[in-house]
Amino acid sequence: MQTYIRWMDAISRVGGWLAAVALFAACLTSAGNALIRYTFSMGSNAWLEAQWYLFGMAVFLGAPMLLKLNEHVRVDVIYGGRSPRTQAWIDLIGLLLVLLPLCAIVAWLSWPFVVLSWQQQEVSASAGGLLRWPIKAAIPLGFAFLGLQAVAEAFRRIAFLRGDLQLDTHYERPLQ
């Protein structure tokens, strides 16, 4: 379990770094596109779509890292103020009964759309639009990596509950 956790955490760190790069590139693309559009009255749908694709990649690549860092959204009414052991149980149940099945279903059901888009070489309906299959492929791949990180998080919670590992509880620190 520990080896899997280390490997998946390393993969998620790379994905998080790539998400940051994609987000930075999306911001540069957006700023450059706006500058050219308002300065020279020129625009390009391809650049707008590239910006959206980069933002989508940032979301799908960054989600596993957010899960690893325990920075994802959760309902504090149920979670907050509980003991670390109870929180670990809540996390484990949520990972196994909600997140992992959701990741598997979305990855499985979205894959045929990627294949069809690739086979047809689907292009955006916008003039100068981009191929659609690369961003469509981000959906099953993103959910697959999120699911793999969820397995690592489940292993981490199991190790904590067994007393083999301490969890990083940085989310419990008061705001400073």
N, C-alpha and C. Protein backbone atom coordinates (compact mmCIF):
# COMPACT_ATOMS: atom_id res chain seq x y z
N MET A 1 0.82 -1.19 0.00
CA MET A 1 0.00 0.00 0.00
C MET A 1 0.87 1.26 0.00
N GLN A 2 1.91 1.25 0.81
CA GLN A 2 2.76 2.44 0.91
C GLN A 2 3.45 2.76 -0.41
N THR A 3 3.88 1.72 -1.12
CA THR A 3 4.52 1.94 -2.42
C THR A 3 3.53 2.54 -3.41
N TYR A 4 2.32 2.02 -3.43
CA TYR A 4 1.30 2.57 -4.32
C TYR A 4 1.02 4.04 -3.97
N ILE A 5 0.89 4.34 -2.69
CA ILE A 5 0.63 5.71 -2.25
C ILE A 5 1.76 6.63 -2.74
N ARG A 6 3.01 6.22 -2.55
CA ARG A 6 4.14 7.06 -2.99
C ARG A 6 4.13 7.27 -4.49
N TRP A 7 3.89 6.20 -5.26
CA TRP A 7 3.86 6.31 -6.72
C TRP A 7 2.72 7.22 -7.18
N MET A 8 1.55 7.01 -6.63
CA MET A 8 0.40 7.81 -7.06
C MET A 8 0.57 9.26 -6.64
N ASP A 9 1.11 9.50 -5.46
CA ASP A 9 1.37 10.88 -5.03
C ASP A 9 2.36 11.56 -5.98
N ALA A 10 3.37 10.83 -6.42
CA ALA A 10 4.35 11.39 -7.35
C ALA A 10 3.69 11.72 -8.69
N ILE A 11 2.84 10.82 -9.17
CA ILE A 11 2.13 11.07 -10.44
C ILE A 11 1.21 12.28 -10.28
N SER A 12 0.53 12.38 -9.16
CA SER A 12 -0.36 13.51 -8.93
C SER A 12 0.40 14.82 -8.81
N ARG A 13 1.61 14.78 -8.24
CA ARG A 13 2.44 15.99 -8.18
C ARG A 13 2.80 16.46 -9.58
N VAL A 14 3.16 15.53 -10.46
CA VAL A 14 3.46 15.89 -11.85
C VAL A 14 2.21 16.46 -12.51
N GLY A 15 1.07 15.82 -12.30
CA GLY A 15 -0.19 16.33 -12.84
C GLY A 15 -0.51 17.72 -12.30
N GLY A 16 -0.24 17.95 -11.03
CA GLY A 16 -0.47 19.27 -10.43
C GLY A 16 0.43 20.32 -11.05
N TRP A 17 1.69 19.96 -11.29
CA TRP A 17 2.61 20.88 -11.95
C TRP A 17 2.14 21.19 -13.37
N LEU A 18 1.72 20.15 -14.10
CA LEU A 18 1.21 20.36 -15.46
C LEU A 18 -0.07 21.20 -15.44
N ALA A 19 -0.90 21.02 -14.42
CA ALA A 19 -2.11 21.83 -14.29
C ALA A 19 -1.75 23.30 -14.09
N ALA A 20 -0.75 23.55 -13.27
CA ALA A 20 -0.31 24.93 -13.06
C ALA A 20 0.22 25.54 -14.35
N VAL A 21 0.98 24.77 -15.11
CA VAL A 21 1.51 25.25 -16.39
C VAL A 21 0.35 25.51 -17.36
N ALA A 22 -0.62 24.60 -17.42
CA ALA A 22 -1.78 24.77 -18.30
C ALA A 22 -2.58 26.00 -17.91
N LEU A 23 -2.74 26.23 -16.62
CA LEU A 23 -3.49 27.40 -16.16
C LEU A 23 -2.75 28.68 -16.51
N PHE A 24 -1.45 28.69 -16.33
CA PHE A 24 -0.63 29.85 -16.69
C PHE A 24 -0.72 30.10 -18.20
N ALA A 25 -0.63 29.03 -18.98
CA ALA A 25 -0.74 29.16 -20.44
C ALA A 25 -2.13 29.66 -20.84
N ALA A 26 -3.17 29.21 -20.13
CA ALA A 26 -4.53 29.68 -20.42
C ALA A 26 -4.64 31.18 -20.14
N CYS A 27 -4.02 31.62 -19.06
CA CYS A 27 -4.04 33.06 -18.74
C CYS A 27 -3.29 33.86 -19.78
N LEU A 28 -2.11 33.37 -20.18
CA LEU A 28 -1.35 34.07 -21.23
C LEU A 28 -2.11 34.10 -22.55
N THR A 29 -2.74 32.98 -22.90
CA THR A 29 -3.53 32.91 -24.13
C THR A 29 -4.69 33.88 -24.08
N SER A 30 -5.36 33.94 -22.95
CA SER A 30 -6.49 34.85 -22.79
C SER A 30 -6.04 36.31 -22.90
N ALA A 31 -4.97 36.64 -22.20
CA ALA A 31 -4.46 38.01 -22.24
C ALA A 31 -3.97 38.37 -23.65
N GLY A 32 -3.24 37.46 -24.27
CA GLY A 32 -2.74 37.72 -25.63
C GLY A 32 -3.87 37.87 -26.62
N ASN A 33 -4.87 37.01 -26.52
CA ASN A 33 -6.00 37.07 -27.42
C ASN A 33 -6.76 38.39 -27.24
N ALA A 34 -6.98 38.81 -26.00
CA ALA A 34 -7.67 40.07 -25.73
C ALA A 34 -6.85 41.25 -26.24
N LEU A 35 -5.57 41.22 -26.01
CA LEU A 35 -4.68 42.30 -26.47
C LEU A 35 -4.74 42.44 -27.99
N ILE A 36 -4.62 41.34 -28.69
CA ILE A 36 -4.65 41.37 -30.16
C ILE A 36 -6.03 41.79 -30.66
N ARG A 37 -7.08 41.29 -30.00
CA ARG A 37 -8.44 41.61 -30.44
C ARG A 37 -8.73 43.10 -30.27
N TYR A 38 -8.36 43.68 -29.11
CA TYR A 38 -8.69 45.08 -28.87
C TYR A 38 -7.67 46.04 -29.48
N THR A 39 -6.44 45.61 -29.69
CA THR A 39 -5.43 46.48 -30.28
C THR A 39 -5.51 46.50 -31.80
N PHE A 40 -5.65 45.31 -32.38
CA PHE A 40 -5.61 45.20 -33.84
C PHE A 40 -6.96 44.80 -34.46
N SER A 41 -8.00 44.70 -33.65
CA SER A 41 -9.32 44.27 -34.11
C SER A 41 -9.25 42.94 -34.86
N MET A 42 -8.43 42.05 -34.34
CA MET A 42 -8.29 40.71 -34.91
C MET A 42 -8.60 39.70 -33.82
N GLY A 43 -9.16 38.59 -34.21
CA GLY A 43 -9.45 37.55 -33.23
C GLY A 43 -9.36 36.18 -33.86
N SER A 44 -9.36 35.19 -33.02
CA SER A 44 -9.26 33.83 -33.51
C SER A 44 -10.05 32.90 -32.59
N ASN A 45 -10.98 32.18 -33.18
CA ASN A 45 -11.71 31.19 -32.39
C ASN A 45 -10.79 30.09 -31.89
N ALA A 46 -9.77 29.78 -32.68
CA ALA A 46 -8.83 28.73 -32.27
C ALA A 46 -8.14 29.11 -30.96
N TRP A 47 -7.76 30.38 -30.82
CA TRP A 47 -7.10 30.80 -29.59
C TRP A 47 -8.07 30.77 -28.41
N LEU A 48 -9.32 31.15 -28.66
CA LEU A 48 -10.32 31.07 -27.59
C LEU A 48 -10.52 29.62 -27.16
N GLU A 49 -10.63 28.73 -28.13
CA GLU A 49 -10.80 27.31 -27.80
C GLU A 49 -9.57 26.74 -27.11
N ALA A 50 -8.39 27.16 -27.56
CA ALA A 50 -7.16 26.71 -26.91
C ALA A 50 -7.16 27.11 -25.44
N GLN A 51 -7.63 28.32 -25.18
CA GLN A 51 -7.73 28.79 -23.79
C GLN A 51 -8.67 27.89 -22.99
N TRP A 52 -9.81 27.54 -23.56
CA TRP A 52 -10.76 26.67 -22.86
C TRP A 52 -10.17 25.28 -22.66
N TYR A 53 -9.47 24.78 -23.67
CA TYR A 53 -8.86 23.46 -23.57
C TYR A 53 -7.81 23.46 -22.46
N LEU A 54 -7.00 24.51 -22.40
CA LEU A 54 -5.97 24.60 -21.36
C LEU A 54 -6.60 24.67 -19.97
N PHE A 55 -7.68 25.42 -19.86
CA PHE A 55 -8.36 25.49 -18.56
C PHE A 55 -8.93 24.13 -18.19
N GLY A 56 -9.53 23.44 -19.15
CA GLY A 56 -10.05 22.09 -18.89
C GLY A 56 -8.95 21.15 -18.46
N MET A 57 -7.81 21.24 -19.13
CA MET A 57 -6.67 20.39 -18.75
C MET A 57 -6.21 20.71 -17.32
N ALA A 58 -6.22 21.99 -16.96
CA ALA A 58 -5.83 22.38 -15.61
C ALA A 58 -6.75 21.73 -14.58
N VAL A 59 -8.03 21.72 -14.87
CA VAL A 59 -9.00 21.12 -13.94
C VAL A 59 -8.77 19.62 -13.82
N PHE A 60 -8.68 18.94 -14.97
CA PHE A 60 -8.57 17.48 -14.94
C PHE A 60 -7.21 17.01 -14.41
N LEU A 61 -6.15 17.74 -14.70
CA LEU A 61 -4.83 17.37 -14.19
C LEU A 61 -4.65 17.75 -12.73
N GLY A 62 -5.32 18.81 -12.30
CA GLY A 62 -5.15 19.30 -10.94
C GLY A 62 -6.00 18.60 -9.90
N ALA A 63 -7.10 18.00 -10.31
CA ALA A 63 -8.01 17.37 -9.34
C ALA A 63 -7.34 16.29 -8.49
N PRO A 64 -6.54 15.38 -9.08
CA PRO A 64 -5.90 14.38 -8.21
C PRO A 64 -4.95 15.01 -7.19
N MET A 65 -4.27 16.08 -7.56
CA MET A 65 -3.36 16.74 -6.62
C MET A 65 -4.15 17.42 -5.50
N LEU A 66 -5.28 18.02 -5.83
CA LEU A 66 -6.12 18.61 -4.78
C LEU A 66 -6.61 17.56 -3.81
N LEU A 67 -6.96 16.39 -4.32
CA LEU A 67 -7.38 15.30 -3.45
C LEU A 67 -6.23 14.86 -2.56
N LYS A 68 -5.04 14.74 -3.14
CA LYS A 68 -3.86 14.35 -2.39
C LYS A 68 -3.56 15.35 -1.27
N LEU A 69 -3.71 16.65 -1.58
CA LEU A 69 -3.44 17.70 -0.59
C LEU A 69 -4.58 17.89 0.40
N ASN A 70 -5.66 17.17 0.19
CA ASN A 70 -6.84 17.27 1.05
C ASN A 70 -7.44 18.68 0.97
N GLU A 71 -7.39 19.27 -0.21
CA GLU A 71 -7.90 20.63 -0.43
C GLU A 71 -9.21 20.62 -1.21
N HIS A 72 -9.85 19.49 -1.32
CA HIS A 72 -11.10 19.38 -2.07
C HIS A 72 -12.26 19.88 -1.21
N VAL A 73 -13.39 20.06 -1.85
CA VAL A 73 -14.59 20.55 -1.17
C VAL A 73 -15.21 19.40 -0.38
N ARG A 74 -15.62 19.72 0.82
CA ARG A 74 -16.34 18.73 1.63
C ARG A 74 -17.36 19.46 2.49
N VAL A 75 -18.31 18.74 3.02
CA VAL A 75 -19.35 19.33 3.86
C VAL A 75 -18.84 19.35 5.29
N ASP A 76 -18.49 20.54 5.77
CA ASP A 76 -17.92 20.67 7.11
C ASP A 76 -18.93 20.42 8.23
N VAL A 77 -20.20 20.50 7.93
CA VAL A 77 -21.21 20.24 8.95
C VAL A 77 -21.07 18.81 9.47
N ILE A 78 -20.77 17.89 8.58
CA ILE A 78 -20.61 16.49 8.95
C ILE A 78 -19.18 16.22 9.41
N TYR A 79 -18.21 16.85 8.78
CA TYR A 79 -16.80 16.51 8.93
C TYR A 79 -16.10 17.31 10.03
N GLY A 80 -16.35 18.60 10.05
CA GLY A 80 -15.63 19.49 10.97
C GLY A 80 -15.89 19.16 12.42
N GLY A 81 -14.88 19.34 13.24
CA GLY A 81 -15.02 19.11 14.67
C GLY A 81 -14.99 17.66 15.10
N ARG A 82 -14.87 16.75 14.17
CA ARG A 82 -14.80 15.32 14.50
C ARG A 82 -13.34 14.95 14.81
N SER A 83 -13.18 13.84 15.45
CA SER A 83 -11.83 13.35 15.75
C SER A 83 -11.16 12.91 14.45
N PRO A 84 -9.83 12.92 14.41
CA PRO A 84 -9.13 12.47 13.19
C PRO A 84 -9.54 11.05 12.77
N ARG A 85 -9.79 10.20 13.73
CA ARG A 85 -10.19 8.83 13.40
C ARG A 85 -11.58 8.81 12.72
N THR A 86 -12.51 9.58 13.26
CA THR A 86 -13.84 9.67 12.65
C THR A 86 -13.74 10.30 11.26
N GLN A 87 -12.91 11.33 11.12
CA GLN A 87 -12.71 11.96 9.82
C GLN A 87 -12.14 10.96 8.82
N ALA A 88 -11.22 10.13 9.27
CA ALA A 88 -10.63 9.12 8.38
C ALA A 88 -11.71 8.14 7.92
N TRP A 89 -12.61 7.75 8.82
CA TRP A 89 -13.70 6.85 8.44
C TRP A 89 -14.64 7.52 7.44
N ILE A 90 -14.97 8.79 7.69
CA ILE A 90 -15.84 9.53 6.76
C ILE A 90 -15.17 9.61 5.39
N ASP A 91 -13.88 9.93 5.38
CA ASP A 91 -13.13 9.99 4.12
C ASP A 91 -13.17 8.65 3.41
N LEU A 92 -12.87 7.58 4.13
CA LEU A 92 -12.80 6.25 3.54
C LEU A 92 -14.15 5.84 2.94
N ILE A 93 -15.22 6.08 3.67
CA ILE A 93 -16.56 5.74 3.17
C ILE A 93 -16.88 6.57 1.93
N GLY A 94 -16.58 7.86 1.97
CA GLY A 94 -16.83 8.72 0.82
C GLY A 94 -16.01 8.33 -0.39
N LEU A 95 -14.75 7.96 -0.17
CA LEU A 95 -13.89 7.54 -1.27
C LEU A 95 -14.41 6.26 -1.91
N LEU A 96 -14.76 5.29 -1.07
CA LEU A 96 -15.17 3.98 -1.58
C LEU A 96 -16.58 3.95 -2.16
N LEU A 97 -17.49 4.69 -1.54
CA LEU A 97 -18.89 4.61 -1.96
C LEU A 97 -19.33 5.72 -2.92
N VAL A 98 -18.57 6.81 -2.98
CA VAL A 98 -18.97 7.92 -3.84
C VAL A 98 -17.93 8.20 -4.92
N LEU A 99 -16.72 8.58 -4.50
CA LEU A 99 -15.74 9.05 -5.48
C LEU A 99 -15.26 7.96 -6.44
N LEU A 100 -14.87 6.81 -5.92
CA LEU A 100 -14.39 5.74 -6.81
C LEU A 100 -15.46 5.27 -7.80
N PRO A 101 -16.69 5.02 -7.36
CA PRO A 101 -17.71 4.63 -8.35
C PRO A 101 -17.97 5.75 -9.37
N LEU A 102 -18.01 7.00 -8.91
CA LEU A 102 -18.23 8.11 -9.83
C LEU A 102 -17.12 8.19 -10.87
N CYS A 103 -15.88 8.08 -10.43
CA CYS A 103 -14.74 8.12 -11.37
C CYS A 103 -14.83 6.99 -12.39
N ALA A 104 -15.15 5.79 -11.91
CA ALA A 104 -15.24 4.64 -12.82
C ALA A 104 -16.37 4.83 -13.83
N ILE A 105 -17.51 5.29 -13.37
CA ILE A 105 -18.66 5.46 -14.27
C ILE A 105 -18.38 6.53 -15.31
N VAL A 106 -17.86 7.69 -14.88
CA VAL A 106 -17.59 8.77 -15.84
C VAL A 106 -16.51 8.36 -16.83
N ALA A 107 -15.43 7.75 -16.35
CA ALA A 107 -14.36 7.32 -17.25
C ALA A 107 -14.89 6.30 -18.26
N TRP A 108 -15.66 5.35 -17.79
CA TRP A 108 -16.20 4.28 -18.66
C TRP A 108 -17.18 4.84 -19.69
N LEU A 109 -18.10 5.67 -19.24
CA LEU A 109 -19.14 6.18 -20.13
C LEU A 109 -18.64 7.26 -21.09
N SER A 110 -17.60 7.97 -20.73
CA SER A 110 -17.11 9.04 -21.61
C SER A 110 -16.14 8.54 -22.68
N TRP A 111 -15.54 7.38 -22.47
CA TRP A 111 -14.56 6.88 -23.43
C TRP A 111 -15.11 6.69 -24.85
N PRO A 112 -16.32 6.12 -25.03
CA PRO A 112 -16.85 5.97 -26.39
C PRO A 112 -16.98 7.31 -27.14
N PHE A 113 -17.26 8.39 -26.43
CA PHE A 113 -17.35 9.71 -27.07
C PHE A 113 -15.98 10.16 -27.58
N VAL A 114 -14.93 9.82 -26.84
CA VAL A 114 -13.57 10.15 -27.27
C VAL A 114 -13.23 9.36 -28.53
N VAL A 115 -13.51 8.08 -28.50
CA VAL A 115 -13.20 7.22 -29.65
C VAL A 115 -13.95 7.69 -30.89
N LEU A 116 -15.24 7.96 -30.75
CA LEU A 116 -16.02 8.42 -31.88
C LEU A 116 -15.50 9.76 -32.41
N SER A 117 -15.16 10.66 -31.52
CA SER A 117 -14.63 11.96 -31.92
C SER A 117 -13.31 11.79 -32.67
N TRP A 118 -12.47 10.89 -32.19
CA TRP A 118 -11.18 10.63 -32.84
C TRP A 118 -11.39 9.99 -34.22
N GLN A 119 -12.28 9.02 -34.28
CA GLN A 119 -12.55 8.34 -35.56
C GLN A 119 -13.09 9.32 -36.60
N GLN A 120 -13.93 10.23 -36.18
CA GLN A 120 -14.53 11.20 -37.11
C GLN A 120 -13.65 12.43 -37.30
N GLN A 121 -12.57 12.53 -36.52
CA GLN A 121 -11.74 13.73 -36.52
C GLN A 121 -12.62 14.97 -36.33
N GLU A 122 -13.48 14.88 -35.32
CA GLU A 122 -14.44 15.93 -35.01
C GLU A 122 -13.73 17.26 -34.76
N VAL A 123 -14.27 18.30 -35.36
CA VAL A 123 -13.73 19.65 -35.22
C VAL A 123 -14.83 20.53 -34.66
N SER A 124 -14.45 21.52 -33.90
CA SER A 124 -15.41 22.48 -33.38
C SER A 124 -16.19 23.12 -34.51
N ALA A 125 -17.44 23.47 -34.24
CA ALA A 125 -18.29 24.12 -35.26
C ALA A 125 -17.87 25.56 -35.52
N SER A 126 -17.07 26.14 -34.62
CA SER A 126 -16.62 27.52 -34.81
C SER A 126 -15.62 27.60 -35.96
N ALA A 127 -15.64 28.73 -36.66
CA ALA A 127 -14.67 28.94 -37.74
C ALA A 127 -13.27 28.91 -37.14
N GLY A 128 -12.42 28.11 -37.73
CA GLY A 128 -11.05 27.99 -37.21
C GLY A 128 -10.96 27.18 -35.94
N GLY A 129 -12.01 26.42 -35.64
CA GLY A 129 -12.05 25.65 -34.40
C GLY A 129 -11.06 24.50 -34.40
N LEU A 130 -10.83 23.98 -33.22
CA LEU A 130 -9.84 22.92 -33.00
C LEU A 130 -10.49 21.54 -33.02
N LEU A 131 -9.65 20.53 -33.13
CA LEU A 131 -10.12 19.14 -32.99
C LEU A 131 -10.71 18.97 -31.59
N ARG A 132 -11.77 18.20 -31.50
CA ARG A 132 -12.44 18.00 -30.22
C ARG A 132 -11.92 16.81 -29.41
N TRP A 133 -11.36 15.78 -30.08
CA TRP A 133 -11.02 14.58 -29.33
C TRP A 133 -9.96 14.80 -28.26
N PRO A 134 -8.98 15.72 -28.44
CA PRO A 134 -8.00 15.87 -27.35
C PRO A 134 -8.63 16.32 -26.03
N ILE A 135 -9.55 17.28 -26.10
CA ILE A 135 -10.15 17.74 -24.85
C ILE A 135 -11.18 16.74 -24.34
N LYS A 136 -11.83 16.03 -25.25
CA LYS A 136 -12.74 14.98 -24.80
C LYS A 136 -11.98 13.86 -24.11
N ALA A 137 -10.76 13.59 -24.57
CA ALA A 137 -9.93 12.55 -23.94
C ALA A 137 -9.54 12.94 -22.53
N ALA A 138 -9.51 14.23 -22.24
CA ALA A 138 -9.16 14.68 -20.89
C ALA A 138 -10.18 14.22 -19.87
N ILE A 139 -11.41 14.00 -20.29
CA ILE A 139 -12.47 13.61 -19.34
C ILE A 139 -12.23 12.21 -18.77
N PRO A 140 -12.17 11.17 -19.59
CA PRO A 140 -11.93 9.85 -18.98
C PRO A 140 -10.55 9.73 -18.35
N LEU A 141 -9.54 10.35 -18.96
CA LEU A 141 -8.21 10.28 -18.37
C LEU A 141 -8.14 11.02 -17.03
N GLY A 142 -8.76 12.18 -16.98
CA GLY A 142 -8.79 12.93 -15.72
C GLY A 142 -9.50 12.18 -14.61
N PHE A 143 -10.64 11.58 -14.94
CA PHE A 143 -11.37 10.82 -13.93
C PHE A 143 -10.65 9.53 -13.56
N ALA A 144 -9.93 8.94 -14.51
CA ALA A 144 -9.15 7.74 -14.19
C ALA A 144 -8.03 8.08 -13.21
N PHE A 145 -7.31 9.18 -13.46
CA PHE A 145 -6.24 9.57 -12.53
C PHE A 145 -6.80 9.99 -11.18
N LEU A 146 -7.95 10.66 -11.19
CA LEU A 146 -8.59 11.01 -9.92
C LEU A 146 -8.97 9.74 -9.15
N GLY A 147 -9.47 8.73 -9.87
CA GLY A 147 -9.81 7.46 -9.23
C GLY A 147 -8.59 6.75 -8.68
N LEU A 148 -7.49 6.80 -9.41
CA LEU A 148 -6.25 6.18 -8.93
C LEU A 148 -5.74 6.90 -7.67
N GLN A 149 -5.86 8.21 -7.64
CA GLN A 149 -5.46 8.95 -6.44
C GLN A 149 -6.42 8.65 -5.30
N ALA A 150 -7.70 8.45 -5.62
CA ALA A 150 -8.68 8.08 -4.59
C ALA A 150 -8.32 6.74 -3.95
N VAL A 151 -7.82 5.81 -4.74
CA VAL A 151 -7.37 4.52 -4.19
C VAL A 151 -6.21 4.77 -3.23
N ALA A 152 -5.27 5.64 -3.62
CA ALA A 152 -4.14 5.97 -2.74
C ALA A 152 -4.65 6.60 -1.44
N GLU A 153 -5.64 7.47 -1.56
CA GLU A 153 -6.19 8.11 -0.36
C GLU A 153 -6.92 7.10 0.52
N ALA A 154 -7.60 6.14 -0.09
CA ALA A 154 -8.26 5.09 0.69
C ALA A 154 -7.20 4.26 1.42
N PHE A 155 -6.12 3.91 0.72
CA PHE A 155 -5.02 3.18 1.36
C PHE A 155 -4.43 4.00 2.51
N ARG A 156 -4.30 5.31 2.30
CA ARG A 156 -3.74 6.19 3.33
C ARG A 156 -4.64 6.19 4.57
N ARG A 157 -5.96 6.24 4.36
CA ARG A 157 -6.89 6.24 5.50
C ARG A 157 -6.88 4.88 6.21
N ILE A 158 -6.78 3.80 5.46
CA ILE A 158 -6.70 2.47 6.06
C ILE A 158 -5.43 2.35 6.90
N ALA A 159 -4.31 2.82 6.36
CA ALA A 159 -3.04 2.77 7.11
C ALA A 159 -3.15 3.61 8.38
N PHE A 160 -3.80 4.76 8.30
CA PHE A 160 -4.00 5.58 9.49
C PHE A 160 -4.86 4.86 10.52
N LEU A 161 -5.96 4.28 10.07
CA LEU A 161 -6.86 3.58 10.99
C LEU A 161 -6.20 2.37 11.64
N ARG A 162 -5.25 1.75 10.93
CA ARG A 162 -4.49 0.63 11.48
C ARG A 162 -3.36 1.09 12.38
N GLY A 163 -3.08 2.39 12.38
CA GLY A 163 -1.99 2.93 13.21
C GLY A 163 -0.64 2.91 12.53
N ASP A 164 -0.62 2.68 11.22
CA ASP A 164 0.64 2.58 10.48
C ASP A 164 1.12 3.91 9.90
N LEU A 165 0.27 4.93 9.94
CA LEU A 165 0.59 6.18 9.24
C LEU A 165 -0.11 7.33 9.93
N GLN A 166 0.55 8.48 9.97
CA GLN A 166 -0.08 9.70 10.45
C GLN A 166 -0.61 10.46 9.25
N LEU A 167 -1.81 11.01 9.38
CA LEU A 167 -2.37 11.82 8.30
C LEU A 167 -1.94 13.26 8.47
N ASP A 168 -1.78 13.94 7.35
CA ASP A 168 -1.52 15.37 7.38
C ASP A 168 -2.87 16.04 7.62
N THR A 169 -3.00 16.66 8.76
CA THR A 169 -4.27 17.29 9.11
C THR A 169 -4.16 18.81 9.00
N HIS A 170 -3.47 19.28 7.99
CA HIS A 170 -3.27 20.72 7.83
C HIS A 170 -4.60 21.46 7.71
N TYR A 171 -5.64 20.78 7.30
CA TYR A 171 -6.95 21.42 7.14
C TYR A 171 -7.59 21.72 8.48
N GLU A 172 -7.03 21.18 9.56
CA GLU A 172 -7.60 21.42 10.88
C GLU A 172 -6.99 22.64 11.57
N ARG A 173 -5.91 23.20 11.02
CA ARG A 173 -5.29 24.37 11.62
C ARG A 173 -6.23 25.55 11.54
N PRO A 174 -6.25 26.39 12.57
CA PRO A 174 -7.09 27.59 12.47
C PRO A 174 -6.51 28.55 11.45
N LEU A 175 -7.39 29.38 10.89
CA LEU A 175 -6.94 30.37 9.92
C LEU A 175 -6.05 31.39 10.62
N GLN A 176 -5.01 31.80 9.93
CA GLN A 176 -4.08 32.78 10.53
C GLN A 176 -4.12 34.07 9.77
